[in-house]
Amino acid sequence: MLRTANARSMRTVTCSAAFKPAQPLFSRAAAASGAAAVAASLMLSSAAPALAEFRLPPIDNDPNRCARGFVGNTIGQANAVSDKILDLRKCVYKGKNLSGKVLAGALMSDADFSDTNMQARGAQMTCVVEVVLTKAYAVGADLSGADLTNAVVDRVDFTNANLAGAKLINTVVTGATFEGADLTNTNFEDALVGSQDANKLCANPTLVGESRDQVGCKQ
């Protein structure tokens, strides 16, 4: 059974056949504690003064933390709640396949996602699994040439990120921040961009030519 949302809302598709009940790996108290930690760490705001005061936790010393990017966050897609912060800072995924992964709430700052495949998995099949970047913190990340076709880019902070040549084809863009981002030749073909997001994108001087037309900027 498939379930979709409205056109300009998050287009998450759930496949009941692939659903697996959550495993009781931690207590309710531990889950609440983890959720609180993530919420406290990822209180991102569109206001510049608030971002100036935002402080990240120390980089996770788990030697396998970058490998978690190939698994993603399997708990909270829409609200980015997790038992543990998905810390991908300074990790290198250049040219790797992250299709269909949920990176909700991920700390992606200064990570290398250049030429990474982050498009929906199974796009030609009945069951489509999209990349979800809800509340991801991608400040200074390199996503040049990355393929985010059909991805959900919801409340993502791309401040000073490199999105040159990235494909955001048919991508849902809501509440994202692109201040200082490099949007040279970024492909927004058929992307669902909210009006406020379009205003922010159009204010970026690197969004030129066909990219501006795709976003709907007034020349």
N, C-alpha and C. Protein backbone atom coordinates (compact mmCIF):
# COMPACT_ATOMS: atom_id res chain seq x y z
N MET A 1 0.86 -1.19 0.00
CA MET A 1 0.00 0.00 0.00
C MET A 1 0.88 1.23 0.00
N LEU A 2 0.56 2.21 -0.83
CA LEU A 2 1.34 3.42 -0.94
C LEU A 2 0.57 4.56 -0.30
N ARG A 3 1.28 5.50 0.27
CA ARG A 3 0.65 6.65 0.88
C ARG A 3 1.47 7.86 0.52
N THR A 4 0.86 8.86 -0.07
CA THR A 4 1.57 10.06 -0.48
C THR A 4 0.93 11.27 0.15
N ALA A 5 1.67 12.39 0.19
CA ALA A 5 1.16 13.65 0.73
C ALA A 5 0.81 14.56 -0.42
N ASN A 6 0.34 15.78 -0.12
CA ASN A 6 0.01 16.74 -1.16
C ASN A 6 1.24 17.13 -1.95
N ALA A 7 1.02 17.78 -3.12
CA ALA A 7 2.11 18.05 -4.06
C ALA A 7 3.22 18.87 -3.46
N ARG A 8 2.85 19.89 -2.64
CA ARG A 8 3.90 20.76 -2.12
C ARG A 8 4.30 20.41 -0.70
N SER A 9 3.88 19.28 -0.21
CA SER A 9 4.31 18.82 1.09
C SER A 9 5.27 17.69 0.90
N MET A 10 5.78 17.15 1.98
CA MET A 10 6.77 16.08 1.90
C MET A 10 6.19 14.88 1.18
N ARG A 11 6.85 14.37 0.13
CA ARG A 11 6.34 13.30 -0.70
C ARG A 11 6.92 11.98 -0.26
N THR A 12 6.69 11.59 1.01
CA THR A 12 7.20 10.32 1.51
C THR A 12 6.26 9.20 1.13
N VAL A 13 6.78 8.11 0.61
CA VAL A 13 5.97 6.98 0.21
C VAL A 13 6.30 5.81 1.10
N THR A 14 5.28 5.22 1.73
CA THR A 14 5.49 4.11 2.65
C THR A 14 5.07 2.82 2.00
N CYS A 15 5.90 1.79 2.06
CA CYS A 15 5.61 0.50 1.48
C CYS A 15 5.38 -0.47 2.61
N SER A 16 4.13 -0.89 2.80
CA SER A 16 3.81 -1.71 3.96
C SER A 16 4.52 -3.05 3.92
N ALA A 17 4.82 -3.57 2.71
CA ALA A 17 5.46 -4.88 2.61
C ALA A 17 6.87 -4.85 3.16
N ALA A 18 7.50 -3.65 3.09
CA ALA A 18 8.88 -3.56 3.55
C ALA A 18 8.99 -3.09 4.99
N PHE A 19 7.82 -2.85 5.64
CA PHE A 19 7.85 -2.31 7.00
C PHE A 19 8.32 -3.36 7.99
N LYS A 20 9.20 -2.90 8.86
CA LYS A 20 9.70 -3.77 9.93
C LYS A 20 9.47 -3.07 11.26
N PRO A 21 8.85 -3.74 12.22
CA PRO A 21 8.62 -3.11 13.52
C PRO A 21 9.92 -2.68 14.17
N ALA A 22 9.85 -1.56 14.88
CA ALA A 22 11.06 -1.08 15.55
C ALA A 22 11.49 -2.08 16.62
N GLN A 23 12.77 -2.33 16.67
CA GLN A 23 13.30 -3.27 17.65
C GLN A 23 13.51 -2.57 18.99
N PRO A 24 13.20 -3.20 20.07
CA PRO A 24 13.35 -2.58 21.41
C PRO A 24 14.79 -2.57 21.86
N LEU A 25 15.59 -1.76 21.17
CA LEU A 25 17.01 -1.73 21.49
C LEU A 25 17.32 -0.80 22.65
N PHE A 26 16.36 0.05 23.02
CA PHE A 26 16.64 0.97 24.12
C PHE A 26 15.33 1.26 24.83
N SER A 27 15.44 1.68 26.05
CA SER A 27 14.23 1.93 26.84
C SER A 27 13.57 3.22 26.40
N ARG A 28 12.31 3.40 26.86
CA ARG A 28 11.60 4.62 26.52
C ARG A 28 12.32 5.84 27.08
N ALA A 29 12.88 5.70 28.25
CA ALA A 29 13.62 6.83 28.85
C ALA A 29 14.83 7.16 28.01
N ALA A 30 15.54 6.12 27.52
CA ALA A 30 16.72 6.37 26.69
C ALA A 30 16.33 7.03 25.39
N ALA A 31 15.20 6.60 24.83
CA ALA A 31 14.73 7.19 23.58
C ALA A 31 14.40 8.66 23.79
N ALA A 32 13.73 8.94 24.92
CA ALA A 32 13.38 10.32 25.20
C ALA A 32 14.63 11.17 25.39
N SER A 33 15.62 10.58 26.06
CA SER A 33 16.87 11.30 26.27
C SER A 33 17.56 11.58 24.95
N GLY A 34 17.57 10.56 24.06
CA GLY A 34 18.20 10.74 22.76
C GLY A 34 17.47 11.78 21.94
N ALA A 35 16.14 11.73 21.99
CA ALA A 35 15.36 12.69 21.24
C ALA A 35 15.62 14.10 21.73
N ALA A 36 15.71 14.24 23.06
CA ALA A 36 15.96 15.56 23.63
C ALA A 36 17.33 16.07 23.22
N ALA A 37 18.30 15.16 23.17
CA ALA A 37 19.65 15.57 22.77
C ALA A 37 19.68 16.07 21.34
N VAL A 38 18.98 15.33 20.47
CA VAL A 38 18.94 15.74 19.08
C VAL A 38 18.21 17.06 18.93
N ALA A 39 17.07 17.20 19.63
CA ALA A 39 16.30 18.43 19.53
C ALA A 39 17.12 19.62 20.00
N ALA A 40 17.87 19.43 21.07
CA ALA A 40 18.68 20.53 21.59
C ALA A 40 19.81 20.86 20.65
N SER A 41 20.34 19.84 19.97
CA SER A 41 21.48 20.05 19.09
C SER A 41 21.08 20.64 17.76
N LEU A 42 19.81 20.37 17.32
CA LEU A 42 19.41 20.76 15.98
C LEU A 42 18.31 21.81 15.96
N MET A 43 18.33 22.73 16.90
CA MET A 43 17.35 23.81 16.92
C MET A 43 17.80 24.88 15.94
N LEU A 44 17.58 24.59 14.64
CA LEU A 44 18.01 25.48 13.58
C LEU A 44 16.90 26.49 13.29
N SER A 45 17.27 27.72 13.06
CA SER A 45 16.30 28.76 12.74
C SER A 45 16.71 29.45 11.46
N SER A 46 15.74 29.99 10.74
CA SER A 46 16.05 30.72 9.52
C SER A 46 16.61 32.10 9.82
N ALA A 47 16.53 32.56 11.04
CA ALA A 47 17.03 33.88 11.40
C ALA A 47 18.54 33.83 11.58
N ALA A 48 19.24 34.75 10.95
CA ALA A 48 20.69 34.77 11.02
C ALA A 48 21.24 34.91 12.43
N PRO A 49 20.67 35.78 13.29
CA PRO A 49 21.19 35.90 14.66
C PRO A 49 21.15 34.60 15.42
N ALA A 50 20.08 33.81 15.21
CA ALA A 50 19.97 32.54 15.92
C ALA A 50 21.05 31.57 15.45
N LEU A 51 21.31 31.55 14.13
CA LEU A 51 22.34 30.67 13.59
C LEU A 51 23.72 31.04 14.13
N ALA A 52 23.93 32.33 14.38
CA ALA A 52 25.22 32.78 14.88
C ALA A 52 25.49 32.21 16.26
N GLU A 53 24.43 31.92 17.03
CA GLU A 53 24.59 31.41 18.38
C GLU A 53 24.55 29.88 18.43
N PHE A 54 24.29 29.26 17.28
CA PHE A 54 24.17 27.81 17.24
C PHE A 54 25.52 27.15 17.48
N ARG A 55 25.56 26.21 18.40
CA ARG A 55 26.81 25.53 18.73
C ARG A 55 26.62 24.04 18.54
N LEU A 56 27.52 23.43 17.79
CA LEU A 56 27.45 22.00 17.53
C LEU A 56 28.11 21.21 18.65
N PRO A 57 27.65 20.00 18.87
CA PRO A 57 28.33 19.14 19.85
C PRO A 57 29.67 18.68 19.28
N PRO A 58 30.57 18.18 20.10
CA PRO A 58 31.85 17.65 19.59
C PRO A 58 31.59 16.53 18.59
N ILE A 59 32.50 16.37 17.64
CA ILE A 59 32.36 15.30 16.66
C ILE A 59 32.38 13.94 17.37
N ASP A 60 31.44 13.10 16.99
CA ASP A 60 31.32 11.77 17.59
C ASP A 60 32.63 11.00 17.38
N ASN A 61 33.15 10.41 18.45
CA ASN A 61 34.42 9.67 18.35
C ASN A 61 34.22 8.21 17.95
N ASP A 62 33.00 7.85 17.58
CA ASP A 62 32.74 6.49 17.12
C ASP A 62 33.49 6.25 15.81
N PRO A 63 34.39 5.27 15.74
CA PRO A 63 35.17 5.04 14.52
C PRO A 63 34.30 4.63 13.33
N ASN A 64 33.07 4.21 13.59
CA ASN A 64 32.18 3.77 12.52
C ASN A 64 31.10 4.81 12.20
N ARG A 65 31.27 6.03 12.67
CA ARG A 65 30.21 7.02 12.50
C ARG A 65 29.97 7.34 11.02
N CYS A 66 31.00 7.39 10.20
CA CYS A 66 30.80 7.70 8.78
C CYS A 66 30.09 6.55 8.06
N ALA A 67 30.30 5.33 8.53
CA ALA A 67 29.63 4.17 7.92
C ALA A 67 28.13 4.23 8.15
N ARG A 68 27.69 4.96 9.18
CA ARG A 68 26.27 5.07 9.46
C ARG A 68 25.54 5.83 8.37
N GLY A 69 26.28 6.58 7.55
CA GLY A 69 25.67 7.29 6.44
C GLY A 69 25.08 6.35 5.41
N PHE A 70 25.62 5.14 5.33
CA PHE A 70 25.11 4.15 4.38
C PHE A 70 23.88 3.43 4.94
N VAL A 71 23.58 3.66 6.21
CA VAL A 71 22.40 3.09 6.84
C VAL A 71 21.33 4.16 7.01
N GLY A 72 21.75 5.33 7.48
CA GLY A 72 20.84 6.44 7.66
C GLY A 72 20.12 6.39 8.99
N ASN A 73 19.18 7.31 9.14
CA ASN A 73 18.37 7.40 10.35
C ASN A 73 17.08 6.64 10.10
N THR A 74 16.86 5.57 10.83
CA THR A 74 15.72 4.69 10.56
C THR A 74 14.54 4.92 11.51
N ILE A 75 14.61 5.97 12.33
CA ILE A 75 13.55 6.18 13.31
C ILE A 75 12.61 7.31 12.90
N GLY A 76 13.06 8.55 12.97
CA GLY A 76 12.16 9.67 12.72
C GLY A 76 12.48 10.38 11.42
N GLN A 77 11.66 10.19 10.39
CA GLN A 77 11.90 10.85 9.11
C GLN A 77 11.46 12.30 9.12
N ALA A 78 10.22 12.55 9.56
CA ALA A 78 9.65 13.89 9.46
C ALA A 78 10.20 14.84 10.52
N ASN A 79 10.46 14.33 11.72
CA ASN A 79 10.88 15.22 12.81
C ASN A 79 12.33 15.06 13.20
N ALA A 80 13.07 14.19 12.50
CA ALA A 80 14.51 14.01 12.71
C ALA A 80 14.85 13.51 14.11
N VAL A 81 13.93 12.83 14.76
CA VAL A 81 14.19 12.28 16.08
C VAL A 81 14.95 10.96 15.94
N SER A 82 15.96 10.75 16.77
CA SER A 82 16.74 9.52 16.71
C SER A 82 17.29 9.21 18.08
N ASP A 83 17.69 7.96 18.27
CA ASP A 83 18.29 7.59 19.55
C ASP A 83 19.73 8.09 19.62
N LYS A 84 20.31 8.42 18.47
CA LYS A 84 21.68 8.91 18.43
C LYS A 84 21.83 9.86 17.25
N ILE A 85 22.56 10.95 17.46
CA ILE A 85 22.76 11.92 16.39
C ILE A 85 23.53 11.27 15.24
N LEU A 86 23.04 11.50 14.02
CA LEU A 86 23.72 10.99 12.83
C LEU A 86 24.81 11.98 12.46
N ASP A 87 26.01 11.76 12.97
CA ASP A 87 27.12 12.69 12.81
C ASP A 87 27.99 12.28 11.62
N LEU A 88 27.83 13.00 10.51
CA LEU A 88 28.58 12.71 9.28
C LEU A 88 29.57 13.82 8.95
N ARG A 89 29.87 14.66 9.92
CA ARG A 89 30.78 15.78 9.67
C ARG A 89 32.17 15.31 9.24
N LYS A 90 32.65 15.96 8.18
CA LYS A 90 33.99 15.71 7.61
C LYS A 90 34.13 14.30 7.01
N CYS A 91 33.03 13.57 6.89
CA CYS A 91 33.07 12.25 6.24
C CYS A 91 33.15 12.44 4.73
N VAL A 92 33.72 11.47 4.05
CA VAL A 92 33.88 11.53 2.59
C VAL A 92 33.03 10.45 1.93
N TYR A 93 32.06 10.91 1.12
CA TYR A 93 31.19 9.99 0.38
C TYR A 93 31.29 10.27 -1.12
N LYS A 94 32.35 10.87 -1.54
CA LYS A 94 32.51 11.28 -2.94
C LYS A 94 32.23 10.10 -3.88
N GLY A 95 31.24 10.28 -4.76
CA GLY A 95 30.92 9.28 -5.76
C GLY A 95 30.23 8.03 -5.22
N LYS A 96 29.86 8.02 -3.94
CA LYS A 96 29.25 6.83 -3.35
C LYS A 96 27.74 6.80 -3.61
N ASN A 97 27.12 5.68 -3.28
CA ASN A 97 25.69 5.50 -3.48
C ASN A 97 24.95 5.59 -2.14
N LEU A 98 24.21 6.67 -1.95
CA LEU A 98 23.39 6.86 -0.75
C LEU A 98 21.92 6.95 -1.14
N SER A 99 21.56 6.35 -2.24
CA SER A 99 20.18 6.44 -2.73
C SER A 99 19.22 5.82 -1.72
N GLY A 100 18.10 6.49 -1.52
CA GLY A 100 17.06 5.99 -0.64
C GLY A 100 17.36 6.08 0.83
N LYS A 101 18.43 6.76 1.22
CA LYS A 101 18.79 6.83 2.64
C LYS A 101 18.07 8.00 3.33
N VAL A 102 17.70 7.79 4.57
CA VAL A 102 17.08 8.85 5.38
C VAL A 102 18.19 9.50 6.21
N LEU A 103 18.52 10.73 5.87
CA LEU A 103 19.56 11.46 6.59
C LEU A 103 18.93 12.59 7.41
N ALA A 104 17.73 12.35 7.91
CA ALA A 104 17.03 13.35 8.72
C ALA A 104 17.83 13.67 9.98
N GLY A 105 18.01 14.97 10.24
CA GLY A 105 18.72 15.40 11.43
C GLY A 105 20.22 15.19 11.37
N ALA A 106 20.74 14.80 10.23
CA ALA A 106 22.17 14.51 10.13
C ALA A 106 23.02 15.78 10.22
N LEU A 107 24.15 15.67 10.88
CA LEU A 107 25.14 16.74 10.90
C LEU A 107 26.09 16.47 9.74
N MET A 108 25.99 17.27 8.67
CA MET A 108 26.72 17.02 7.43
C MET A 108 27.73 18.10 7.12
N SER A 109 27.97 19.00 8.05
CA SER A 109 28.85 20.12 7.78
C SER A 109 30.27 19.66 7.43
N ASP A 110 30.82 20.31 6.40
CA ASP A 110 32.19 20.05 5.94
C ASP A 110 32.40 18.62 5.45
N ALA A 111 31.32 17.91 5.17
CA ALA A 111 31.44 16.56 4.62
C ALA A 111 31.49 16.63 3.09
N ASP A 112 32.04 15.59 2.47
CA ASP A 112 32.17 15.56 1.01
C ASP A 112 31.14 14.60 0.43
N PHE A 113 30.10 15.19 -0.18
CA PHE A 113 29.06 14.41 -0.86
C PHE A 113 29.12 14.68 -2.37
N SER A 114 30.26 15.14 -2.86
CA SER A 114 30.36 15.47 -4.27
C SER A 114 30.15 14.24 -5.14
N ASP A 115 29.36 14.43 -6.21
CA ASP A 115 29.06 13.36 -7.17
C ASP A 115 28.41 12.15 -6.51
N THR A 116 27.81 12.34 -5.36
CA THR A 116 27.16 11.23 -4.65
C THR A 116 25.77 10.99 -5.21
N ASN A 117 25.39 9.72 -5.32
CA ASN A 117 24.05 9.36 -5.76
C ASN A 117 23.11 9.39 -4.55
N MET A 118 22.27 10.41 -4.48
CA MET A 118 21.33 10.55 -3.37
C MET A 118 19.91 10.64 -3.90
N GLN A 119 19.67 10.07 -5.05
CA GLN A 119 18.34 10.12 -5.63
C GLN A 119 17.46 9.01 -5.05
N ALA A 120 16.18 9.08 -5.38
CA ALA A 120 15.23 8.09 -4.88
C ALA A 120 15.61 6.70 -5.38
N ARG A 121 15.46 5.72 -4.51
CA ARG A 121 15.73 4.33 -4.88
C ARG A 121 14.44 3.67 -5.33
N GLY A 122 14.51 2.94 -6.43
CA GLY A 122 13.33 2.27 -6.96
C GLY A 122 12.39 3.22 -7.68
N ALA A 123 12.95 4.29 -8.29
CA ALA A 123 12.10 5.29 -8.93
C ALA A 123 11.28 4.71 -10.08
N GLN A 124 11.75 3.62 -10.68
CA GLN A 124 11.02 3.01 -11.79
C GLN A 124 10.11 1.88 -11.31
N MET A 125 10.05 1.66 -10.01
CA MET A 125 9.25 0.59 -9.46
C MET A 125 8.01 1.14 -8.76
N THR A 126 7.18 0.27 -8.26
CA THR A 126 5.97 0.70 -7.56
C THR A 126 6.31 1.36 -6.24
N CYS A 127 7.31 0.84 -5.56
CA CYS A 127 7.69 1.33 -4.23
C CYS A 127 8.90 2.25 -4.34
N VAL A 128 8.69 3.53 -4.10
CA VAL A 128 9.78 4.51 -4.21
C VAL A 128 10.25 4.91 -2.82
N VAL A 129 11.55 4.83 -2.58
CA VAL A 129 12.13 5.23 -1.31
C VAL A 129 13.00 6.46 -1.57
N GLU A 130 12.59 7.60 -1.03
CA GLU A 130 13.28 8.84 -1.30
C GLU A 130 14.33 9.16 -0.26
N VAL A 131 15.34 9.92 -0.66
CA VAL A 131 16.31 10.44 0.30
C VAL A 131 15.62 11.56 1.08
N VAL A 132 15.66 11.48 2.39
CA VAL A 132 15.03 12.48 3.25
C VAL A 132 16.12 13.22 4.02
N LEU A 133 16.16 14.55 3.84
CA LEU A 133 17.17 15.36 4.51
C LEU A 133 16.53 16.31 5.52
N THR A 134 15.43 15.93 6.10
CA THR A 134 14.73 16.80 7.04
C THR A 134 15.65 17.28 8.16
N LYS A 135 15.70 18.60 8.35
CA LYS A 135 16.49 19.23 9.42
C LYS A 135 17.97 18.85 9.41
N ALA A 136 18.50 18.50 8.26
CA ALA A 136 19.93 18.21 8.17
C ALA A 136 20.72 19.53 8.26
N TYR A 137 21.91 19.44 8.85
CA TYR A 137 22.77 20.61 9.02
C TYR A 137 23.96 20.43 8.08
N ALA A 138 23.87 21.05 6.89
CA ALA A 138 24.86 20.84 5.83
C ALA A 138 25.69 22.09 5.56
N VAL A 139 25.95 22.86 6.59
CA VAL A 139 26.75 24.08 6.44
C VAL A 139 28.16 23.73 5.95
N GLY A 140 28.56 24.35 4.85
CA GLY A 140 29.91 24.13 4.32
C GLY A 140 30.12 22.77 3.68
N ALA A 141 29.06 22.00 3.50
CA ALA A 141 29.20 20.66 2.90
C ALA A 141 29.42 20.79 1.39
N ASP A 142 30.10 19.80 0.82
CA ASP A 142 30.34 19.77 -0.62
C ASP A 142 29.37 18.78 -1.26
N LEU A 143 28.36 19.32 -1.94
CA LEU A 143 27.41 18.48 -2.66
C LEU A 143 27.48 18.77 -4.16
N SER A 144 28.63 19.24 -4.62
CA SER A 144 28.77 19.56 -6.03
C SER A 144 28.60 18.29 -6.87
N GLY A 145 27.74 18.39 -7.88
CA GLY A 145 27.50 17.25 -8.76
C GLY A 145 26.68 16.14 -8.15
N ALA A 146 26.20 16.31 -6.92
CA ALA A 146 25.40 15.27 -6.26
C ALA A 146 24.04 15.17 -6.93
N ASP A 147 23.49 13.97 -6.96
CA ASP A 147 22.18 13.74 -7.57
C ASP A 147 21.14 13.56 -6.47
N LEU A 148 20.32 14.59 -6.25
CA LEU A 148 19.26 14.55 -5.24
C LEU A 148 17.89 14.49 -5.91
N THR A 149 17.80 13.86 -7.06
CA THR A 149 16.54 13.74 -7.77
C THR A 149 15.48 13.08 -6.87
N ASN A 150 14.31 13.72 -6.79
CA ASN A 150 13.17 13.23 -6.00
C ASN A 150 13.41 13.24 -4.50
N ALA A 151 14.45 13.92 -4.03
CA ALA A 151 14.73 13.96 -2.60
C ALA A 151 13.80 14.93 -1.88
N VAL A 152 13.72 14.78 -0.56
CA VAL A 152 12.96 15.70 0.28
C VAL A 152 13.96 16.59 1.02
N VAL A 153 14.02 17.86 0.64
CA VAL A 153 14.96 18.81 1.24
C VAL A 153 14.14 19.75 2.12
N ASP A 154 13.92 19.34 3.35
CA ASP A 154 13.02 20.04 4.26
C ASP A 154 13.78 20.63 5.44
N ARG A 155 13.78 21.95 5.54
CA ARG A 155 14.44 22.68 6.64
C ARG A 155 15.92 22.32 6.75
N VAL A 156 16.58 22.20 5.62
CA VAL A 156 18.01 21.90 5.58
C VAL A 156 18.80 23.21 5.55
N ASP A 157 19.89 23.27 6.29
CA ASP A 157 20.74 24.46 6.28
C ASP A 157 21.92 24.21 5.35
N PHE A 158 21.88 24.83 4.16
CA PHE A 158 22.94 24.71 3.16
C PHE A 158 23.84 25.95 3.17
N THR A 159 23.89 26.68 4.26
CA THR A 159 24.71 27.89 4.32
C THR A 159 26.16 27.57 3.91
N ASN A 160 26.66 28.33 2.95
CA ASN A 160 28.05 28.20 2.46
C ASN A 160 28.37 26.81 1.90
N ALA A 161 27.34 26.05 1.55
CA ALA A 161 27.57 24.73 0.96
C ALA A 161 27.84 24.87 -0.54
N ASN A 162 28.47 23.86 -1.11
CA ASN A 162 28.76 23.84 -2.54
C ASN A 162 27.76 22.90 -3.22
N LEU A 163 26.81 23.50 -3.95
CA LEU A 163 25.80 22.74 -4.68
C LEU A 163 25.96 22.93 -6.19
N ALA A 164 27.15 23.35 -6.60
CA ALA A 164 27.39 23.60 -8.02
C ALA A 164 27.19 22.32 -8.82
N GLY A 165 26.33 22.40 -9.83
CA GLY A 165 26.10 21.26 -10.70
C GLY A 165 25.27 20.16 -10.07
N ALA A 166 24.73 20.37 -8.87
CA ALA A 166 23.92 19.35 -8.22
C ALA A 166 22.57 19.24 -8.93
N LYS A 167 21.98 18.05 -8.88
CA LYS A 167 20.67 17.82 -9.49
C LYS A 167 19.60 17.75 -8.40
N LEU A 168 18.73 18.74 -8.38
CA LEU A 168 17.59 18.73 -7.48
C LEU A 168 16.31 18.59 -8.30
N ILE A 169 16.35 17.69 -9.25
CA ILE A 169 15.23 17.48 -10.17
C ILE A 169 14.05 16.86 -9.43
N ASN A 170 12.89 17.48 -9.57
CA ASN A 170 11.65 17.00 -8.93
C ASN A 170 11.80 16.87 -7.41
N THR A 171 12.67 17.69 -6.85
CA THR A 171 12.93 17.66 -5.41
C THR A 171 11.97 18.60 -4.68
N VAL A 172 11.55 18.21 -3.49
CA VAL A 172 10.73 19.08 -2.65
C VAL A 172 11.66 19.94 -1.80
N VAL A 173 11.54 21.25 -1.92
CA VAL A 173 12.39 22.18 -1.17
C VAL A 173 11.49 23.05 -0.30
N THR A 174 11.57 22.87 1.03
CA THR A 174 10.75 23.65 1.94
C THR A 174 11.57 24.09 3.16
N GLY A 175 11.52 25.37 3.45
CA GLY A 175 12.18 25.89 4.66
C GLY A 175 13.68 25.76 4.69
N ALA A 176 14.31 25.62 3.53
CA ALA A 176 15.77 25.43 3.48
C ALA A 176 16.49 26.78 3.45
N THR A 177 17.76 26.77 3.85
CA THR A 177 18.59 27.97 3.85
C THR A 177 19.73 27.78 2.85
N PHE A 178 19.89 28.76 1.94
CA PHE A 178 20.92 28.66 0.90
C PHE A 178 21.86 29.87 0.94
N GLU A 179 21.91 30.56 2.06
CA GLU A 179 22.74 31.77 2.15
C GLU A 179 24.22 31.43 1.95
N GLY A 180 24.84 32.08 0.99
CA GLY A 180 26.27 31.87 0.72
C GLY A 180 26.58 30.58 0.00
N ALA A 181 25.55 29.82 -0.39
CA ALA A 181 25.78 28.55 -1.09
C ALA A 181 26.13 28.80 -2.55
N ASP A 182 26.92 27.90 -3.12
CA ASP A 182 27.26 27.98 -4.54
C ASP A 182 26.22 27.19 -5.31
N LEU A 183 25.39 27.90 -6.08
CA LEU A 183 24.31 27.27 -6.85
C LEU A 183 24.58 27.35 -8.35
N THR A 184 25.84 27.42 -8.71
CA THR A 184 26.22 27.50 -10.12
C THR A 184 25.79 26.23 -10.86
N ASN A 185 24.95 26.42 -11.88
CA ASN A 185 24.48 25.30 -12.71
C ASN A 185 23.72 24.23 -11.92
N THR A 186 23.16 24.60 -10.79
CA THR A 186 22.33 23.65 -10.04
C THR A 186 21.02 23.44 -10.80
N ASN A 187 20.61 22.20 -10.94
CA ASN A 187 19.44 21.86 -11.74
C ASN A 187 18.20 21.71 -10.84
N PHE A 188 17.24 22.65 -10.97
CA PHE A 188 16.01 22.61 -10.19
C PHE A 188 14.81 22.24 -11.07
N GLU A 189 15.05 21.52 -12.15
CA GLU A 189 13.97 21.18 -13.09
C GLU A 189 12.84 20.42 -12.37
N ASP A 190 11.62 20.92 -12.52
CA ASP A 190 10.42 20.31 -11.94
C ASP A 190 10.45 20.21 -10.42
N ALA A 191 11.36 20.95 -9.77
CA ALA A 191 11.41 20.93 -8.30
C ALA A 191 10.18 21.65 -7.73
N LEU A 192 9.70 21.17 -6.59
CA LEU A 192 8.60 21.82 -5.89
C LEU A 192 9.20 22.75 -4.84
N VAL A 193 9.26 24.02 -5.18
CA VAL A 193 9.93 25.01 -4.33
C VAL A 193 8.89 25.96 -3.74
N GLY A 194 8.84 26.07 -2.42
CA GLY A 194 7.92 27.00 -1.77
C GLY A 194 8.23 28.44 -2.14
N SER A 195 7.25 29.32 -2.02
CA SER A 195 7.44 30.71 -2.43
C SER A 195 8.54 31.39 -1.64
N GLN A 196 8.59 31.16 -0.33
CA GLN A 196 9.65 31.78 0.48
C GLN A 196 11.01 31.21 0.12
N ASP A 197 11.05 29.92 -0.15
CA ASP A 197 12.31 29.31 -0.56
C ASP A 197 12.77 29.86 -1.90
N ALA A 198 11.82 30.09 -2.80
CA ALA A 198 12.16 30.66 -4.10
C ALA A 198 12.77 32.05 -3.93
N ASN A 199 12.21 32.83 -3.02
CA ASN A 199 12.75 34.17 -2.77
C ASN A 199 14.18 34.10 -2.27
N LYS A 200 14.46 33.14 -1.38
CA LYS A 200 15.81 32.98 -0.85
C LYS A 200 16.76 32.55 -1.95
N LEU A 201 16.31 31.60 -2.77
CA LEU A 201 17.16 31.10 -3.85
C LEU A 201 17.46 32.21 -4.86
N CYS A 202 16.44 32.97 -5.20
CA CYS A 202 16.60 34.02 -6.20
C CYS A 202 17.52 35.13 -5.71
N ALA A 203 17.65 35.28 -4.39
CA ALA A 203 18.53 36.30 -3.83
C ALA A 203 19.99 35.86 -3.87
N ASN A 204 20.23 34.60 -4.19
CA ASN A 204 21.61 34.08 -4.25
C ASN A 204 22.22 34.47 -5.59
N PRO A 205 23.31 35.22 -5.60
CA PRO A 205 23.89 35.71 -6.85
C PRO A 205 24.47 34.61 -7.74
N THR A 206 24.67 33.42 -7.20
CA THR A 206 25.23 32.34 -8.03
C THR A 206 24.14 31.58 -8.78
N LEU A 207 22.88 31.87 -8.48
CA LEU A 207 21.77 31.23 -9.20
C LEU A 207 21.49 32.06 -10.44
N VAL A 208 21.97 31.61 -11.57
CA VAL A 208 21.85 32.38 -12.81
C VAL A 208 21.33 31.50 -13.95
N GLY A 209 20.97 32.16 -15.04
CA GLY A 209 20.60 31.46 -16.26
C GLY A 209 19.40 30.55 -16.09
N GLU A 210 19.52 29.33 -16.63
CA GLU A 210 18.42 28.38 -16.62
C GLU A 210 17.99 28.00 -15.21
N SER A 211 18.94 27.99 -14.28
CA SER A 211 18.60 27.64 -12.90
C SER A 211 17.59 28.63 -12.32
N ARG A 212 17.76 29.92 -12.63
CA ARG A 212 16.81 30.92 -12.14
C ARG A 212 15.43 30.69 -12.74
N ASP A 213 15.40 30.35 -14.02
CA ASP A 213 14.12 30.10 -14.68
C ASP A 213 13.41 28.90 -14.03
N GLN A 214 14.17 27.88 -13.69
CA GLN A 214 13.58 26.67 -13.10
C GLN A 214 12.98 26.95 -11.73
N VAL A 215 13.61 27.84 -10.98
CA VAL A 215 13.10 28.20 -9.65
C VAL A 215 11.90 29.15 -9.77
N GLY A 216 11.85 29.89 -10.89
CA GLY A 216 10.76 30.83 -11.11
C GLY A 216 11.11 32.25 -10.69
N CYS A 217 12.39 32.58 -10.73
CA CYS A 217 12.82 33.93 -10.36
C CYS A 217 12.36 34.94 -11.42
N LYS A 218 12.01 36.12 -10.95
CA LYS A 218 11.65 37.21 -11.86
C LYS A 218 12.94 37.88 -12.32
N GLN A 219 13.12 37.94 -13.60
CA GLN A 219 14.36 38.51 -14.14
C GLN A 219 14.39 40.02 -13.95
